[in-house]
Amino acid sequence: MVVTNEYIAKSRITRWRNWLIQAIQKFFRPVKTHDYSQSANGSDYVFEKVAGESRKGYMTAQKRGVKIGDRVLLLQKGKLEEYYIQELNYYSSPNDMWIALLMKLNL
């Protein structure tokens, strides 16, 4: 019985350690900023505000390496705006195309 309890304890510690490492990598990774301020809405990307929401919008673009938590810079009506990627889904084809729900940050 001692061997079984020792195995269970080591297994739980290993699972906990693996979970902790993944959490640290996910939540404490450097935040990337993707600059679309020199790109054209409608051809390089598409950005549309969410109806009834002044701080949210959906953006579709094609670029690898974009992740939840990253920032996006857009030029809207001549003003630089920064957004936070709140939700993100990649398309299956092409696999570098994505759609994201963006939340506007105060600059």
C-alpha atoms as a PDB file:
ATOM      1  CA  MET A   1       0.000   0.000   0.000  1.00  0.00           C
ATOM      2  CA  VAL A   2       2.864   2.394   0.658  1.00  0.00           C
ATOM      3  CA  VAL A   3       4.090   2.130  -2.927  1.00  0.00           C
ATOM      4  CA  THR A   4       0.614   2.943  -4.269  1.00  0.00           C
ATOM      5  CA  ASN A   5       0.191   6.020  -2.046  1.00  0.00           C
ATOM      6  CA  GLU A   6       3.698   7.201  -2.932  1.00  0.00           C
ATOM      7  CA  TYR A   7       2.950   6.765  -6.657  1.00  0.00           C
ATOM      8  CA  ILE A   8      -0.328   8.700  -6.323  1.00  0.00           C
ATOM      9  CA  ALA A   9       1.406  11.520  -4.443  1.00  0.00           C
ATOM     10  CA  LYS A  10       4.193  11.779  -7.060  1.00  0.00           C
ATOM     11  CA  SER A  11       1.626  11.700  -9.869  1.00  0.00           C
ATOM     12  CA  ARG A  12      -0.359  14.547  -8.319  1.00  0.00           C
ATOM     13  CA  ILE A  13       2.781  16.627  -7.799  1.00  0.00           C
ATOM     14  CA  THR A  14       3.848  16.029 -11.407  1.00  0.00           C
ATOM     15  CA  ARG A  15       0.417  17.038 -12.745  1.00  0.00           C
ATOM     16  CA  TRP A  16       0.411  20.138 -10.535  1.00  0.00           C
ATOM     17  CA  ARG A  17       3.935  21.101 -11.673  1.00  0.00           C
ATOM     18  CA  ASN A  18       3.003  20.648 -15.356  1.00  0.00           C
ATOM     19  CA  TRP A  19      -0.150  22.732 -14.919  1.00  0.00           C
ATOM     20  CA  LEU A  20       1.804  25.478 -13.162  1.00  0.00           C
ATOM     21  CA  ILE A  21       4.443  25.604 -15.919  1.00  0.00           C
ATOM     22  CA  GLN A  22       1.740  25.873 -18.609  1.00  0.00           C
ATOM     23  CA  ALA A  23      -0.077  28.606 -16.665  1.00  0.00           C
ATOM     24  CA  ILE A  24       3.108  30.639 -16.282  1.00  0.00           C
ATOM     25  CA  GLN A  25       3.932  30.290 -19.979  1.00  0.00           C
ATOM     26  CA  LYS A  26       0.405  31.303 -20.975  1.00  0.00           C
ATOM     27  CA  PHE A  27      -0.163  34.235 -18.633  1.00  0.00           C
ATOM     28  CA  PHE A  28       3.323  35.652 -18.230  1.00  0.00           C
ATOM     29  CA  ARG A  29       4.561  35.573 -21.793  1.00  0.00           C
ATOM     30  CA  PRO A  30       5.624  38.876 -23.346  1.00  0.00           C
ATOM     31  CA  VAL A  31       2.734  40.758 -24.921  1.00  0.00           C
ATOM     32  CA  LYS A  32       3.182  41.394 -28.631  1.00  0.00           C
ATOM     33  CA  THR A  33       1.857  44.477 -30.375  1.00  0.00           C
ATOM     34  CA  HIS A  34       0.713  44.008 -33.971  1.00  0.00           C
ATOM     35  CA  ASP A  35       0.867  47.323 -35.818  1.00  0.00           C
ATOM     36  CA  TYR A  36      -1.812  47.715 -38.491  1.00  0.00           C
ATOM     37  CA  SER A  37      -1.732  51.529 -38.368  1.00  0.00           C
ATOM     38  CA  GLN A  38      -0.123  51.716 -41.820  1.00  0.00           C
ATOM     39  CA  SER A  39      -2.449  49.049 -43.284  1.00  0.00           C
ATOM     40  CA  ALA A  40      -5.728  49.678 -45.084  1.00  0.00           C
ATOM     41  CA  ASN A  41      -9.047  48.637 -43.571  1.00  0.00           C
ATOM     42  CA  GLY A  42     -10.963  46.655 -46.159  1.00  0.00           C
ATOM     43  CA  SER A  43      -7.952  45.301 -48.029  1.00  0.00           C
ATOM     44  CA  ASP A  44      -5.209  44.385 -45.503  1.00  0.00           C
ATOM     45  CA  TYR A  45      -7.669  43.652 -42.709  1.00  0.00           C
ATOM     46  CA  VAL A  46     -11.329  44.197 -41.845  1.00  0.00           C
ATOM     47  CA  PHE A  47     -12.412  45.934 -38.636  1.00  0.00           C
ATOM     48  CA  GLU A  48     -16.038  46.449 -37.628  1.00  0.00           C
ATOM     49  CA  LYS A  49     -17.368  47.893 -34.385  1.00  0.00           C
ATOM     50  CA  VAL A  50     -19.792  45.752 -32.372  1.00  0.00           C
ATOM     51  CA  ALA A  51     -23.286  47.271 -32.600  1.00  0.00           C
ATOM     52  CA  GLY A  52     -24.116  49.188 -29.446  1.00  0.00           C
ATOM     53  CA  GLU A  53     -20.555  48.907 -28.098  1.00  0.00           C
ATOM     54  CA  SER A  54     -18.185  51.849 -28.404  1.00  0.00           C
ATOM     55  CA  ARG A  55     -15.103  49.951 -27.161  1.00  0.00           C
ATOM     56  CA  LYS A  56     -15.434  46.567 -28.926  1.00  0.00           C
ATOM     57  CA  GLY A  57     -14.917  45.445 -32.486  1.00  0.00           C
ATOM     58  CA  TYR A  58     -14.225  42.401 -34.630  1.00  0.00           C
ATOM     59  CA  MET A  59     -11.108  42.237 -36.755  1.00  0.00           C
ATOM     60  CA  THR A  60     -10.231  39.731 -39.457  1.00  0.00           C
ATOM     61  CA  ALA A  61      -6.677  39.569 -40.794  1.00  0.00           C
ATOM     62  CA  GLN A  62      -4.042  37.191 -42.061  1.00  0.00           C
ATOM     63  CA  LYS A  63      -0.887  36.854 -39.957  1.00  0.00           C
ATOM     64  CA  ARG A  64       0.796  34.074 -37.995  1.00  0.00           C
ATOM     65  CA  GLY A  65       1.658  34.314 -34.315  1.00  0.00           C
ATOM     66  CA  VAL A  66      -1.292  36.382 -33.123  1.00  0.00           C
ATOM     67  CA  LYS A  67      -2.518  35.289 -29.668  1.00  0.00           C
ATOM     68  CA  ILE A  68      -5.111  36.193 -27.074  1.00  0.00           C
ATOM     69  CA  GLY A  69      -3.769  38.990 -24.905  1.00  0.00           C
ATOM     70  CA  ASP A  70      -1.747  40.599 -27.694  1.00  0.00           C
ATOM     71  CA  ARG A  71      -2.311  44.219 -28.667  1.00  0.00           C
ATOM     72  CA  VAL A  72      -3.369  45.627 -32.052  1.00  0.00           C
ATOM     73  CA  LEU A  73      -2.704  49.177 -33.246  1.00  0.00           C
ATOM     74  CA  LEU A  74      -5.205  50.625 -35.724  1.00  0.00           C
ATOM     75  CA  LEU A  75      -5.550  54.050 -37.278  1.00  0.00           C
ATOM     76  CA  GLN A  76      -9.239  55.005 -36.983  1.00  0.00           C
ATOM     77  CA  LYS A  77     -10.384  58.350 -38.426  1.00  0.00           C
ATOM     78  CA  GLY A  78      -6.840  59.699 -38.238  1.00  0.00           C
ATOM     79  CA  LYS A  79      -6.388  58.668 -34.603  1.00  0.00           C
ATOM     80  CA  LEU A  80      -4.147  55.862 -33.331  1.00  0.00           C
ATOM     81  CA  GLU A  81      -6.113  53.372 -31.235  1.00  0.00           C
ATOM     82  CA  GLU A  82      -4.845  50.387 -29.259  1.00  0.00           C
ATOM     83  CA  TYR A  83      -6.920  47.253 -28.767  1.00  0.00           C
ATOM     84  CA  TYR A  84      -6.550  44.138 -26.642  1.00  0.00           C
ATOM     85  CA  ILE A  85      -7.315  40.731 -28.236  1.00  0.00           C
ATOM     86  CA  GLN A  86     -10.026  39.302 -25.997  1.00  0.00           C
ATOM     87  CA  GLU A  87     -11.095  36.324 -28.131  1.00  0.00           C
ATOM     88  CA  LEU A  88      -9.346  34.766 -31.124  1.00  0.00           C
ATOM     89  CA  ASN A  89     -10.195  32.058 -33.630  1.00  0.00           C
ATOM     90  CA  TYR A  90      -8.013  30.916 -36.510  1.00  0.00           C
ATOM     91  CA  TYR A  91      -9.587  29.718 -39.736  1.00  0.00           C
ATOM     92  CA  SER A  92      -8.732  26.226 -40.976  1.00  0.00           C
ATOM     93  CA  SER A  93      -7.959  27.495 -44.468  1.00  0.00           C
ATOM     94  CA  PRO A  94      -5.893  29.536 -44.867  1.00  0.00           C
ATOM     95  CA  ASN A  95      -4.474  28.590 -41.490  1.00  0.00           C
ATOM     96  CA  ASP A  96      -2.913  32.000 -40.791  1.00  0.00           C
ATOM     97  CA  MET A  97      -6.216  33.882 -41.148  1.00  0.00           C
ATOM     98  CA  TRP A  98      -8.020  34.791 -37.950  1.00  0.00           C
ATOM     99  CA  ILE A  99     -10.940  36.694 -36.478  1.00  0.00           C
ATOM    100  CA  ALA A 100     -10.699  38.361 -33.093  1.00  0.00           C
ATOM    101  CA  LEU A 101     -12.876  40.254 -30.675  1.00  0.00           C
ATOM    102  CA  LEU A 102     -10.951  43.395 -29.732  1.00  0.00           C
ATOM    103  CA  MET A 103     -11.417  45.593 -26.655  1.00  0.00           C
ATOM    104  CA  LYS A 104     -10.280  49.203 -26.980  1.00  0.00           C
ATOM    105  CA  LEU A 105      -7.656  50.368 -24.480  1.00  0.00           C
ATOM    106  CA  ASN A 106      -7.163  53.949 -23.365  1.00  0.00           C
ATOM    107  CA  LEU A 107      -3.999  55.510 -24.783  1.00  0.00           C
END
